[in-house]
Amino acid sequence: MKQVLLALVLASTAAVPALADAIPLNAISRYLNGIETAEADFTQINDDGTVSTGHLYLRRPGNMRFEYAGDDLLVMAGGQQVAIFDGRSNTRPDQYPLRETPLSIILDEQVDLSRSNMVVRHEFDGTSTRVVAQDPDRPEIGSLTMVFTPDPIELRQWIVRDETGAETTVVLGALEEGGSIPLTRFSITQEIQRRRGD
């Protein structure tokens, strides 16, 4: 289950100069800050080669929900916490502070990729822009590689590298922005009550 968390868990100037066609960091920050709500299908590729699929809901700031297809597995970020619900277990969900996961980079109220020591790489691979970011206050929790396509800018995938070097990739389908997603969809407390039958 820790690997599922790491899949979610998710800097001044780049340590390596950006190539000419890379999307500027300030433009990427504006794009992320402009997302209020979004949803998309996703494919998750774990470090051991296993693959999962599902649907993602996002409501910034602070809220994200991963529903896994064909499995009673649910991962939620809400109320400054990340919770992992496993329907095969009768125990309460595993919970972790959101600020201790790289996911907070995307879900912060104000994304600022120019923050000192946040971005450690910013490059163009011929098709897309890759930004490797970390929490400058907690670099030990891992890094998040975000991949963006241009015209218009769109987040296409991210890769989480944990403290052991294991990598998990989340590939996104087309993001559908601007829909109405209620806050209750991200309520960890209500999900716990629902599963208890309260």
N, C-alpha and C. Protein backbone atom coordinates (compact mmCIF):
# COMPACT_ATOMS: atom_id res chain seq x y z
N MET A 1 0.82 -1.21 0.00
CA MET A 1 0.00 0.00 0.00
C MET A 1 0.86 1.26 0.00
N LYS A 2 2.08 1.16 0.58
CA LYS A 2 2.94 2.34 0.57
C LYS A 2 3.25 2.76 -0.86
N GLN A 3 3.33 1.76 -1.78
CA GLN A 3 3.66 2.10 -3.17
C GLN A 3 2.54 2.90 -3.81
N VAL A 4 1.29 2.62 -3.41
CA VAL A 4 0.18 3.40 -3.94
C VAL A 4 0.32 4.85 -3.49
N LEU A 5 0.69 5.04 -2.21
CA LEU A 5 0.91 6.39 -1.71
C LEU A 5 2.01 7.07 -2.51
N LEU A 6 3.10 6.33 -2.75
CA LEU A 6 4.20 6.92 -3.48
C LEU A 6 3.80 7.30 -4.89
N ALA A 7 2.82 6.54 -5.46
CA ALA A 7 2.36 6.88 -6.80
C ALA A 7 1.72 8.25 -6.81
N LEU A 8 1.16 8.64 -5.65
CA LEU A 8 0.56 9.95 -5.57
C LEU A 8 1.58 11.00 -5.16
N VAL A 9 2.37 10.43 -4.30
CA VAL A 9 3.33 11.27 -3.74
C VAL A 9 4.47 11.45 -4.70
N LEU A 10 3.93 12.68 -4.97
CA LEU A 10 4.06 13.56 -5.63
C LEU A 10 4.26 14.03 -4.39
N ALA A 11 11.87 25.13 -8.37
CA ALA A 11 12.70 25.05 -7.42
C ALA A 11 13.30 26.27 -7.81
N SER A 12 14.02 27.24 -7.59
CA SER A 12 14.53 28.49 -8.19
C SER A 12 14.59 28.32 -9.69
N THR A 13 15.74 28.37 -10.23
CA THR A 13 15.90 28.07 -11.65
C THR A 13 16.36 26.64 -11.77
N ALA A 14 16.27 26.07 -12.96
CA ALA A 14 16.64 24.68 -13.14
C ALA A 14 18.12 24.49 -12.92
N ALA A 15 18.49 23.32 -12.37
CA ALA A 15 19.89 23.01 -12.18
C ALA A 15 20.57 22.84 -13.54
N VAL A 16 19.81 22.33 -14.53
CA VAL A 16 20.30 22.21 -15.90
C VAL A 16 19.50 23.21 -16.75
N PRO A 17 20.16 24.06 -17.53
CA PRO A 17 19.43 25.07 -18.31
C PRO A 17 18.36 24.43 -19.19
N ALA A 18 17.22 25.07 -19.27
CA ALA A 18 16.14 24.57 -20.12
C ALA A 18 16.53 24.72 -21.59
N LEU A 19 16.15 23.74 -22.39
CA LEU A 19 16.38 23.85 -23.82
C LEU A 19 15.41 24.85 -24.43
N ALA A 20 15.72 25.28 -25.65
CA ALA A 20 15.01 26.41 -26.25
C ALA A 20 13.50 26.19 -26.34
N ASP A 21 13.06 24.95 -26.60
CA ASP A 21 11.65 24.71 -26.81
C ASP A 21 10.91 24.26 -25.55
N ALA A 22 11.57 24.24 -24.43
CA ALA A 22 10.91 23.86 -23.18
C ALA A 22 9.91 24.94 -22.78
N ILE A 23 8.77 24.52 -22.25
CA ILE A 23 7.80 25.48 -21.73
C ILE A 23 8.39 26.17 -20.51
N PRO A 24 8.37 27.49 -20.43
CA PRO A 24 8.96 28.19 -19.29
C PRO A 24 8.28 27.80 -17.97
N LEU A 25 9.06 27.81 -16.90
CA LEU A 25 8.53 27.41 -15.60
C LEU A 25 7.40 28.33 -15.14
N ASN A 26 7.51 29.63 -15.45
CA ASN A 26 6.43 30.53 -15.00
C ASN A 26 5.13 30.23 -15.73
N ALA A 27 5.21 29.78 -16.99
CA ALA A 27 4.01 29.42 -17.74
C ALA A 27 3.40 28.13 -17.17
N ILE A 28 4.24 27.19 -16.77
CA ILE A 28 3.74 25.95 -16.16
C ILE A 28 3.08 26.25 -14.82
N SER A 29 3.69 27.13 -14.03
CA SER A 29 3.09 27.51 -12.75
C SER A 29 1.72 28.15 -12.96
N ARG A 30 1.61 29.04 -13.94
CA ARG A 30 0.32 29.69 -14.23
C ARG A 30 -0.71 28.64 -14.65
N TYR A 31 -0.30 27.70 -15.47
CA TYR A 31 -1.22 26.64 -15.92
C TYR A 31 -1.74 25.83 -14.73
N LEU A 32 -0.85 25.39 -13.85
CA LEU A 32 -1.28 24.59 -12.70
C LEU A 32 -2.17 25.41 -11.76
N ASN A 33 -1.82 26.67 -11.56
CA ASN A 33 -2.64 27.53 -10.70
C ASN A 33 -4.01 27.80 -11.31
N GLY A 34 -4.11 27.71 -12.64
CA GLY A 34 -5.38 27.97 -13.30
C GLY A 34 -6.35 26.80 -13.27
N ILE A 35 -5.87 25.63 -12.87
CA ILE A 35 -6.76 24.47 -12.79
C ILE A 35 -7.55 24.54 -11.48
N GLU A 36 -8.86 24.59 -11.60
CA GLU A 36 -9.72 24.55 -10.41
C GLU A 36 -10.26 23.15 -10.20
N THR A 37 -10.87 22.58 -11.23
CA THR A 37 -11.33 21.20 -11.17
C THR A 37 -10.92 20.51 -12.47
N ALA A 38 -10.69 19.21 -12.38
CA ALA A 38 -10.36 18.42 -13.57
C ALA A 38 -10.56 16.95 -13.25
N GLU A 39 -10.77 16.16 -14.30
CA GLU A 39 -10.82 14.72 -14.14
C GLU A 39 -10.27 14.06 -15.39
N ALA A 40 -9.79 12.82 -15.22
CA ALA A 40 -9.19 12.11 -16.36
C ALA A 40 -9.07 10.64 -16.00
N ASP A 41 -9.08 9.79 -17.02
CA ASP A 41 -8.67 8.40 -16.82
C ASP A 41 -7.16 8.38 -16.63
N PHE A 42 -6.67 7.34 -15.96
CA PHE A 42 -5.23 7.24 -15.77
C PHE A 42 -4.79 5.78 -15.85
N THR A 43 -3.52 5.61 -16.19
CA THR A 43 -2.85 4.32 -16.15
C THR A 43 -1.64 4.45 -15.25
N GLN A 44 -1.52 3.57 -14.28
CA GLN A 44 -0.42 3.61 -13.33
C GLN A 44 0.50 2.42 -13.57
N ILE A 45 1.79 2.71 -13.76
CA ILE A 45 2.79 1.68 -13.98
C ILE A 45 3.72 1.68 -12.77
N ASN A 46 3.68 0.58 -12.02
CA ASN A 46 4.48 0.50 -10.80
C ASN A 46 5.91 0.06 -11.10
N ASP A 47 6.77 0.23 -10.12
CA ASP A 47 8.18 -0.08 -10.30
C ASP A 47 8.40 -1.56 -10.63
N ASP A 48 7.50 -2.43 -10.16
CA ASP A 48 7.65 -3.87 -10.43
C ASP A 48 7.04 -4.28 -11.76
N GLY A 49 6.54 -3.31 -12.54
CA GLY A 49 5.98 -3.60 -13.85
C GLY A 49 4.49 -3.84 -13.87
N THR A 50 3.84 -3.94 -12.70
CA THR A 50 2.40 -4.12 -12.68
C THR A 50 1.70 -2.84 -13.11
N VAL A 51 0.50 -3.01 -13.67
CA VAL A 51 -0.24 -1.89 -14.24
C VAL A 51 -1.65 -1.83 -13.65
N SER A 52 -2.08 -0.64 -13.28
CA SER A 52 -3.45 -0.40 -12.81
C SER A 52 -4.05 0.72 -13.63
N THR A 53 -5.38 0.74 -13.71
CA THR A 53 -6.07 1.82 -14.39
C THR A 53 -7.16 2.36 -13.47
N GLY A 54 -7.67 3.53 -13.81
CA GLY A 54 -8.74 4.10 -13.00
C GLY A 54 -9.11 5.49 -13.46
N HIS A 55 -9.76 6.21 -12.57
CA HIS A 55 -10.23 7.56 -12.88
C HIS A 55 -9.80 8.50 -11.77
N LEU A 56 -9.34 9.67 -12.17
CA LEU A 56 -8.81 10.67 -11.26
C LEU A 56 -9.73 11.88 -11.22
N TYR A 57 -9.97 12.40 -10.02
CA TYR A 57 -10.69 13.66 -9.82
C TYR A 57 -9.77 14.63 -9.09
N LEU A 58 -9.78 15.88 -9.51
CA LEU A 58 -8.91 16.90 -8.93
C LEU A 58 -9.71 18.15 -8.65
N ARG A 59 -9.53 18.69 -7.46
CA ARG A 59 -10.11 20.00 -7.14
C ARG A 59 -9.07 20.75 -6.34
N ARG A 60 -8.49 21.76 -6.96
CA ARG A 60 -7.46 22.54 -6.30
C ARG A 60 -8.07 23.70 -5.52
N PRO A 61 -7.40 24.07 -4.40
CA PRO A 61 -6.20 23.43 -3.85
C PRO A 61 -6.55 22.26 -2.93
N GLY A 62 -5.63 21.33 -2.83
CA GLY A 62 -5.63 20.35 -1.76
C GLY A 62 -6.40 19.06 -1.94
N ASN A 63 -7.10 18.87 -3.08
CA ASN A 63 -7.99 17.71 -3.18
C ASN A 63 -7.72 16.88 -4.42
N MET A 64 -7.62 15.56 -4.24
CA MET A 64 -7.45 14.64 -5.35
C MET A 64 -8.03 13.29 -4.94
N ARG A 65 -8.56 12.56 -5.93
CA ARG A 65 -9.17 11.26 -5.66
C ARG A 65 -8.82 10.31 -6.80
N PHE A 66 -8.26 9.15 -6.45
CA PHE A 66 -7.93 8.10 -7.41
C PHE A 66 -8.85 6.91 -7.16
N GLU A 67 -9.71 6.61 -8.13
CA GLU A 67 -10.56 5.42 -8.06
C GLU A 67 -9.98 4.37 -9.01
N TYR A 68 -9.61 3.21 -8.47
CA TYR A 68 -8.95 2.16 -9.25
C TYR A 68 -9.99 1.20 -9.81
N ALA A 69 -9.90 0.92 -11.11
CA ALA A 69 -10.85 0.05 -11.78
C ALA A 69 -10.62 -1.40 -11.38
N GLY A 70 -11.74 -2.13 -11.18
CA GLY A 70 -11.65 -3.55 -10.89
C GLY A 70 -11.03 -3.87 -9.55
N ASP A 71 -11.01 -2.91 -8.65
CA ASP A 71 -10.39 -3.13 -7.34
C ASP A 71 -11.03 -2.14 -6.37
N ASP A 72 -11.35 -2.61 -5.18
CA ASP A 72 -11.93 -1.72 -4.19
C ASP A 72 -10.81 -0.96 -3.48
N LEU A 73 -10.05 -0.25 -4.28
CA LEU A 73 -8.94 0.55 -3.78
C LEU A 73 -9.23 2.01 -4.11
N LEU A 74 -9.05 2.87 -3.13
CA LEU A 74 -9.34 4.29 -3.29
C LEU A 74 -8.27 5.06 -2.56
N VAL A 75 -7.73 6.06 -3.24
CA VAL A 75 -6.76 6.96 -2.61
C VAL A 75 -7.31 8.36 -2.70
N MET A 76 -7.33 9.06 -1.57
CA MET A 76 -7.90 10.40 -1.51
C MET A 76 -6.94 11.37 -0.85
N ALA A 77 -6.90 12.57 -1.36
CA ALA A 77 -6.25 13.68 -0.69
C ALA A 77 -7.31 14.71 -0.37
N GLY A 78 -7.41 15.08 0.90
CA GLY A 78 -8.39 16.06 1.34
C GLY A 78 -8.15 16.40 2.79
N GLY A 79 -8.48 17.61 3.18
CA GLY A 79 -8.29 18.00 4.57
C GLY A 79 -6.84 17.91 5.01
N GLN A 80 -5.93 18.20 4.08
CA GLN A 80 -4.48 18.18 4.34
C GLN A 80 -3.96 16.78 4.69
N GLN A 81 -4.72 15.74 4.33
CA GLN A 81 -4.30 14.36 4.55
C GLN A 81 -4.40 13.58 3.25
N VAL A 82 -3.62 12.50 3.15
CA VAL A 82 -3.77 11.51 2.10
C VAL A 82 -4.20 10.22 2.77
N ALA A 83 -5.26 9.58 2.27
CA ALA A 83 -5.78 8.35 2.86
C ALA A 83 -5.86 7.27 1.79
N ILE A 84 -5.49 6.04 2.19
CA ILE A 84 -5.55 4.88 1.30
C ILE A 84 -6.58 3.91 1.86
N PHE A 85 -7.65 3.71 1.11
CA PHE A 85 -8.72 2.79 1.50
C PHE A 85 -8.56 1.49 0.73
N ASP A 86 -8.50 0.38 1.44
CA ASP A 86 -8.40 -0.94 0.82
C ASP A 86 -9.64 -1.73 1.21
N GLY A 87 -10.51 -1.98 0.23
CA GLY A 87 -11.76 -2.66 0.51
C GLY A 87 -11.58 -4.09 0.97
N ARG A 88 -10.39 -4.65 0.78
CA ARG A 88 -10.13 -6.02 1.23
C ARG A 88 -9.74 -6.07 2.69
N SER A 89 -9.63 -4.90 3.32
CA SER A 89 -9.22 -4.83 4.72
C SER A 89 -10.34 -4.18 5.54
N ASN A 90 -10.50 -4.64 6.76
CA ASN A 90 -11.51 -4.06 7.65
C ASN A 90 -10.93 -2.96 8.53
N THR A 91 -9.66 -2.66 8.35
CA THR A 91 -9.01 -1.65 9.18
C THR A 91 -9.28 -0.26 8.63
N ARG A 92 -9.01 0.74 9.45
CA ARG A 92 -9.13 2.12 9.00
C ARG A 92 -8.09 2.39 7.92
N PRO A 93 -8.32 3.41 7.11
CA PRO A 93 -7.36 3.70 6.04
C PRO A 93 -6.02 4.15 6.59
N ASP A 94 -4.96 3.86 5.86
CA ASP A 94 -3.66 4.46 6.16
C ASP A 94 -3.75 5.94 5.82
N GLN A 95 -3.23 6.80 6.70
CA GLN A 95 -3.29 8.23 6.46
C GLN A 95 -1.92 8.86 6.68
N TYR A 96 -1.64 9.87 5.85
CA TYR A 96 -0.37 10.57 5.91
C TYR A 96 -0.63 12.06 5.66
N PRO A 97 0.18 12.94 6.26
CA PRO A 97 0.03 14.37 5.97
C PRO A 97 0.34 14.66 4.50
N LEU A 98 -0.52 15.43 3.86
CA LEU A 98 -0.32 15.78 2.47
C LEU A 98 1.01 16.50 2.26
N ARG A 99 1.39 17.35 3.20
CA ARG A 99 2.63 18.13 3.05
C ARG A 99 3.87 17.27 3.04
N GLU A 100 3.75 16.00 3.45
CA GLU A 100 4.90 15.11 3.45
C GLU A 100 4.96 14.25 2.20
N THR A 101 4.19 14.60 1.17
CA THR A 101 4.20 13.89 -0.09
C THR A 101 4.47 14.87 -1.23
N PRO A 102 5.17 14.44 -2.30
CA PRO A 102 5.37 15.32 -3.45
C PRO A 102 4.07 15.76 -4.12
N LEU A 103 2.97 15.06 -3.82
CA LEU A 103 1.67 15.45 -4.36
C LEU A 103 1.34 16.90 -4.01
N SER A 104 1.86 17.37 -2.89
CA SER A 104 1.57 18.74 -2.46
C SER A 104 2.09 19.77 -3.45
N ILE A 105 3.08 19.40 -4.27
CA ILE A 105 3.60 20.34 -5.26
C ILE A 105 2.50 20.77 -6.23
N ILE A 106 1.67 19.80 -6.66
CA ILE A 106 0.58 20.09 -7.58
C ILE A 106 -0.62 20.71 -6.87
N LEU A 107 -0.85 20.28 -5.63
CA LEU A 107 -2.07 20.67 -4.92
C LEU A 107 -1.94 21.92 -4.06
N ASP A 108 -0.75 22.50 -3.97
CA ASP A 108 -0.58 23.73 -3.21
C ASP A 108 -1.52 24.82 -3.71
N GLU A 109 -1.92 25.68 -2.81
CA GLU A 109 -2.81 26.78 -3.20
C GLU A 109 -2.14 27.67 -4.23
N GLN A 110 -0.85 27.87 -4.09
CA GLN A 110 -0.10 28.69 -5.04
C GLN A 110 1.13 27.92 -5.49
N VAL A 111 1.09 27.37 -6.69
CA VAL A 111 2.24 26.65 -7.24
C VAL A 111 3.25 27.68 -7.72
N ASP A 112 4.51 27.53 -7.26
CA ASP A 112 5.57 28.45 -7.68
C ASP A 112 6.83 27.63 -7.95
N LEU A 113 7.01 27.26 -9.21
CA LEU A 113 8.16 26.44 -9.57
C LEU A 113 9.46 27.23 -9.57
N SER A 114 9.38 28.55 -9.35
CA SER A 114 10.60 29.35 -9.24
C SER A 114 11.14 29.37 -7.82
N ARG A 115 10.43 28.71 -6.90
CA ARG A 115 10.88 28.67 -5.51
C ARG A 115 12.26 28.05 -5.41
N SER A 116 13.09 28.59 -4.57
CA SER A 116 14.47 28.15 -4.46
C SER A 116 14.57 26.65 -4.22
N ASN A 117 15.38 25.98 -5.04
CA ASN A 117 15.70 24.56 -4.91
C ASN A 117 14.51 23.63 -5.14
N MET A 118 13.43 24.12 -5.74
CA MET A 118 12.30 23.24 -6.01
C MET A 118 12.52 22.44 -7.30
N VAL A 119 12.90 23.09 -8.37
CA VAL A 119 13.12 22.41 -9.64
C VAL A 119 14.59 22.02 -9.75
N VAL A 120 14.83 20.75 -9.98
CA VAL A 120 16.21 20.27 -10.12
C VAL A 120 16.54 19.92 -11.57
N ARG A 121 15.52 19.86 -12.43
CA ARG A 121 15.76 19.64 -13.86
C ARG A 121 14.57 20.18 -14.64
N HIS A 122 14.88 20.78 -15.80
CA HIS A 122 13.85 21.38 -16.66
C HIS A 122 14.35 21.23 -18.08
N GLU A 123 13.69 20.36 -18.88
CA GLU A 123 14.25 20.04 -20.18
C GLU A 123 13.16 19.73 -21.20
N PHE A 124 13.55 19.80 -22.46
CA PHE A 124 12.66 19.48 -23.57
C PHE A 124 13.20 18.23 -24.26
N ASP A 125 12.33 17.22 -24.46
CA ASP A 125 12.80 15.96 -25.04
C ASP A 125 12.49 15.84 -26.52
N GLY A 126 12.09 16.94 -27.14
CA GLY A 126 11.75 16.92 -28.55
C GLY A 126 10.25 16.95 -28.79
N THR A 127 9.48 16.55 -27.78
CA THR A 127 8.02 16.55 -27.88
C THR A 127 7.37 17.25 -26.71
N SER A 128 7.91 17.00 -25.52
CA SER A 128 7.29 17.51 -24.30
C SER A 128 8.34 18.09 -23.36
N THR A 129 7.84 18.86 -22.39
CA THR A 129 8.69 19.45 -21.36
C THR A 129 8.62 18.61 -20.11
N ARG A 130 9.79 18.30 -19.55
CA ARG A 130 9.87 17.51 -18.32
C ARG A 130 10.43 18.39 -17.22
N VAL A 131 9.73 18.41 -16.09
CA VAL A 131 10.16 19.19 -14.94
C VAL A 131 10.30 18.24 -13.76
N VAL A 132 11.50 18.15 -13.21
CA VAL A 132 11.74 17.33 -12.03
C VAL A 132 11.74 18.26 -10.82
N ALA A 133 10.80 18.04 -9.91
CA ALA A 133 10.63 18.93 -8.77
C ALA A 133 10.67 18.15 -7.47
N GLN A 134 11.00 18.87 -6.41
CA GLN A 134 10.99 18.29 -5.07
C GLN A 134 10.56 19.38 -4.09
N ASP A 135 10.12 18.95 -2.93
CA ASP A 135 9.83 19.92 -1.87
C ASP A 135 11.18 20.36 -1.32
N PRO A 136 11.55 21.63 -1.47
CA PRO A 136 12.87 22.06 -1.02
C PRO A 136 13.06 21.91 0.49
N ASP A 137 11.95 21.85 1.23
CA ASP A 137 12.05 21.67 2.68
C ASP A 137 12.12 20.20 3.09
N ARG A 138 11.73 19.30 2.16
CA ARG A 138 11.71 17.87 2.46
C ARG A 138 12.19 17.07 1.26
N PRO A 139 13.41 17.30 0.79
CA PRO A 139 13.88 16.58 -0.40
C PRO A 139 13.98 15.07 -0.18
N GLU A 140 14.04 14.66 1.07
CA GLU A 140 14.18 13.23 1.37
C GLU A 140 12.93 12.42 1.06
N ILE A 141 11.77 13.07 0.88
CA ILE A 141 10.55 12.31 0.62
C ILE A 141 10.43 11.89 -0.84
N GLY A 142 11.33 12.36 -1.70
CA GLY A 142 11.31 11.93 -3.09
C GLY A 142 11.12 13.09 -4.06
N SER A 143 11.07 12.77 -5.33
CA SER A 143 10.92 13.79 -6.36
C SER A 143 9.75 13.44 -7.28
N LEU A 144 9.28 14.45 -7.98
CA LEU A 144 8.16 14.31 -8.89
C LEU A 144 8.57 14.85 -10.25
N THR A 145 8.56 13.99 -11.27
CA THR A 145 8.79 14.43 -12.64
C THR A 145 7.44 14.64 -13.32
N MET A 146 7.19 15.86 -13.76
CA MET A 146 5.94 16.18 -14.45
C MET A 146 6.23 16.38 -15.93
N VAL A 147 5.36 15.84 -16.78
CA VAL A 147 5.54 15.92 -18.22
C VAL A 147 4.38 16.71 -18.81
N PHE A 148 4.72 17.75 -19.57
CA PHE A 148 3.72 18.65 -20.14
C PHE A 148 3.87 18.71 -21.66
N THR A 149 2.75 18.75 -22.36
CA THR A 149 2.75 19.03 -23.79
C THR A 149 2.29 20.48 -24.00
N PRO A 150 2.72 21.11 -25.11
CA PRO A 150 2.40 22.52 -25.33
C PRO A 150 1.18 22.74 -26.22
N ASP A 151 0.78 24.00 -26.31
CA ASP A 151 -0.19 24.50 -27.32
C ASP A 151 -1.53 23.78 -27.34
N PRO A 152 -2.34 23.85 -26.35
CA PRO A 152 -2.12 24.51 -25.07
C PRO A 152 -1.38 23.59 -24.10
N ILE A 153 -0.84 24.16 -23.05
CA ILE A 153 -0.12 23.38 -22.04
C ILE A 153 -1.08 22.39 -21.40
N GLU A 154 -0.63 21.15 -21.25
CA GLU A 154 -1.43 20.14 -20.57
C GLU A 154 -0.52 19.17 -19.85
N LEU A 155 -0.88 18.85 -18.61
CA LEU A 155 -0.17 17.84 -17.84
C LEU A 155 -0.54 16.47 -18.38
N ARG A 156 0.48 15.69 -18.80
CA ARG A 156 0.23 14.40 -19.42
C ARG A 156 0.60 13.22 -18.53
N GLN A 157 1.60 13.38 -17.70
CA GLN A 157 1.97 12.29 -16.80
C GLN A 157 2.89 12.82 -15.70
N TRP A 158 3.05 12.00 -14.66
CA TRP A 158 4.09 12.27 -13.68
C TRP A 158 4.74 10.97 -13.27
N ILE A 159 5.97 11.11 -12.81
CA ILE A 159 6.76 9.97 -12.36
C ILE A 159 7.27 10.29 -10.97
N VAL A 160 6.93 9.43 -10.01
CA VAL A 160 7.40 9.61 -8.65
C VAL A 160 8.61 8.70 -8.42
N ARG A 161 9.66 9.29 -7.92
CA ARG A 161 10.85 8.54 -7.52
C ARG A 161 10.96 8.63 -6.01
N ASP A 162 10.87 7.49 -5.32
CA ASP A 162 10.88 7.54 -3.87
C ASP A 162 12.31 7.53 -3.33
N GLU A 163 12.43 7.53 -2.00
CA GLU A 163 13.74 7.63 -1.38
C GLU A 163 14.62 6.42 -1.64
N THR A 164 14.03 5.32 -2.10
CA THR A 164 14.83 4.12 -2.42
C THR A 164 15.23 4.08 -3.89
N GLY A 165 14.73 5.01 -4.69
CA GLY A 165 15.01 5.01 -6.11
C GLY A 165 13.94 4.34 -6.96
N ALA A 166 12.93 3.73 -6.32
CA ALA A 166 11.83 3.10 -7.06
C ALA A 166 10.99 4.18 -7.75
N GLU A 167 10.54 3.88 -8.97
CA GLU A 167 9.76 4.84 -9.75
C GLU A 167 8.38 4.30 -10.08
N THR A 168 7.39 5.16 -9.99
CA THR A 168 6.02 4.83 -10.35
C THR A 168 5.51 5.91 -11.30
N THR A 169 4.94 5.49 -12.41
CA THR A 169 4.48 6.42 -13.44
C THR A 169 2.96 6.45 -13.49
N VAL A 170 2.40 7.64 -13.56
CA VAL A 170 0.96 7.82 -13.76
C VAL A 170 0.78 8.58 -15.08
N VAL A 171 0.16 7.90 -16.06
CA VAL A 171 -0.10 8.49 -17.37
C VAL A 171 -1.56 8.92 -17.42
N LEU A 172 -1.79 10.17 -17.76
CA LEU A 172 -3.14 10.72 -17.76
C LEU A 172 -3.75 10.71 -19.16
N GLY A 173 -5.05 10.43 -19.22
CA GLY A 173 -5.79 10.69 -20.44
C GLY A 173 -6.05 12.18 -20.54
N ALA A 174 -6.86 12.59 -21.49
CA ALA A 174 -7.15 14.01 -21.65
C ALA A 174 -7.83 14.56 -20.40
N LEU A 175 -7.28 15.64 -19.86
CA LEU A 175 -7.88 16.29 -18.70
C LEU A 175 -9.13 17.04 -19.12
N GLU A 176 -10.22 16.79 -18.43
CA GLU A 176 -11.46 17.54 -18.64
C GLU A 176 -11.57 18.54 -17.50
N GLU A 177 -11.34 19.79 -17.81
CA GLU A 177 -11.29 20.83 -16.79
C GLU A 177 -12.64 21.55 -16.66
N GLY A 178 -12.86 22.10 -15.45
CA GLY A 178 -13.97 23.02 -15.25
C GLY A 178 -15.29 22.40 -14.86
N GLY A 179 -15.34 21.09 -14.64
CA GLY A 179 -16.59 20.48 -14.23
C GLY A 179 -16.90 20.73 -12.76
N SER A 180 -18.11 20.39 -12.36
CA SER A 180 -18.53 20.56 -10.96
C SER A 180 -18.23 19.28 -10.19
N ILE A 181 -17.27 19.36 -9.28
CA ILE A 181 -16.89 18.21 -8.46
C ILE A 181 -17.08 18.62 -7.00
N PRO A 182 -18.05 18.04 -6.29
CA PRO A 182 -18.32 18.48 -4.92
C PRO A 182 -17.19 18.13 -3.97
N LEU A 183 -17.01 18.97 -2.97
CA LEU A 183 -15.97 18.74 -1.96
C LEU A 183 -16.18 17.43 -1.21
N THR A 184 -17.43 16.99 -1.11
CA THR A 184 -17.70 15.75 -0.39
C THR A 184 -16.99 14.55 -1.03
N ARG A 185 -16.66 14.65 -2.30
CA ARG A 185 -15.97 13.56 -2.98
C ARG A 185 -14.56 13.36 -2.42
N PHE A 186 -14.05 14.37 -1.71
CA PHE A 186 -12.70 14.32 -1.17
C PHE A 186 -12.69 14.27 0.36
N SER A 187 -13.83 13.99 0.96
CA SER A 187 -13.93 13.95 2.42
C SER A 187 -13.53 12.58 2.95
N ILE A 188 -12.39 12.51 3.59
CA ILE A 188 -11.91 11.25 4.15
C ILE A 188 -12.85 10.79 5.27
N THR A 189 -13.31 11.71 6.08
CA THR A 189 -14.22 11.37 7.18
C THR A 189 -15.51 10.76 6.66
N GLN A 190 -16.09 11.37 5.63
CA GLN A 190 -17.35 10.83 5.09
C GLN A 190 -17.13 9.48 4.42
N GLU A 191 -15.99 9.27 3.82
CA GLU A 191 -15.71 7.97 3.20
C GLU A 191 -15.57 6.88 4.26
N ILE A 192 -14.94 7.22 5.37
CA ILE A 192 -14.83 6.26 6.48
C ILE A 192 -16.22 5.91 6.99
N GLN A 193 -17.08 6.92 7.18
CA GLN A 193 -18.44 6.68 7.67
C GLN A 193 -19.24 5.86 6.67
N ARG A 194 -19.09 6.14 5.39
CA ARG A 194 -19.82 5.40 4.36
C ARG A 194 -19.44 3.93 4.38
N ARG A 195 -18.17 3.65 4.54
CA ARG A 195 -17.71 2.27 4.53
C ARG A 195 -18.10 1.52 5.80
N ARG A 196 -18.34 2.27 6.87
CA ARG A 196 -18.82 1.64 8.10
C ARG A 196 -20.32 1.45 8.10
N GLY A 197 -20.99 2.08 7.11
CA GLY A 197 -22.44 1.99 7.04
C GLY A 197 -23.16 2.97 7.93
N ASP A 198 -22.45 4.03 8.36
CA ASP A 198 -23.07 5.04 9.21
C ASP A 198 -24.02 5.91 8.38
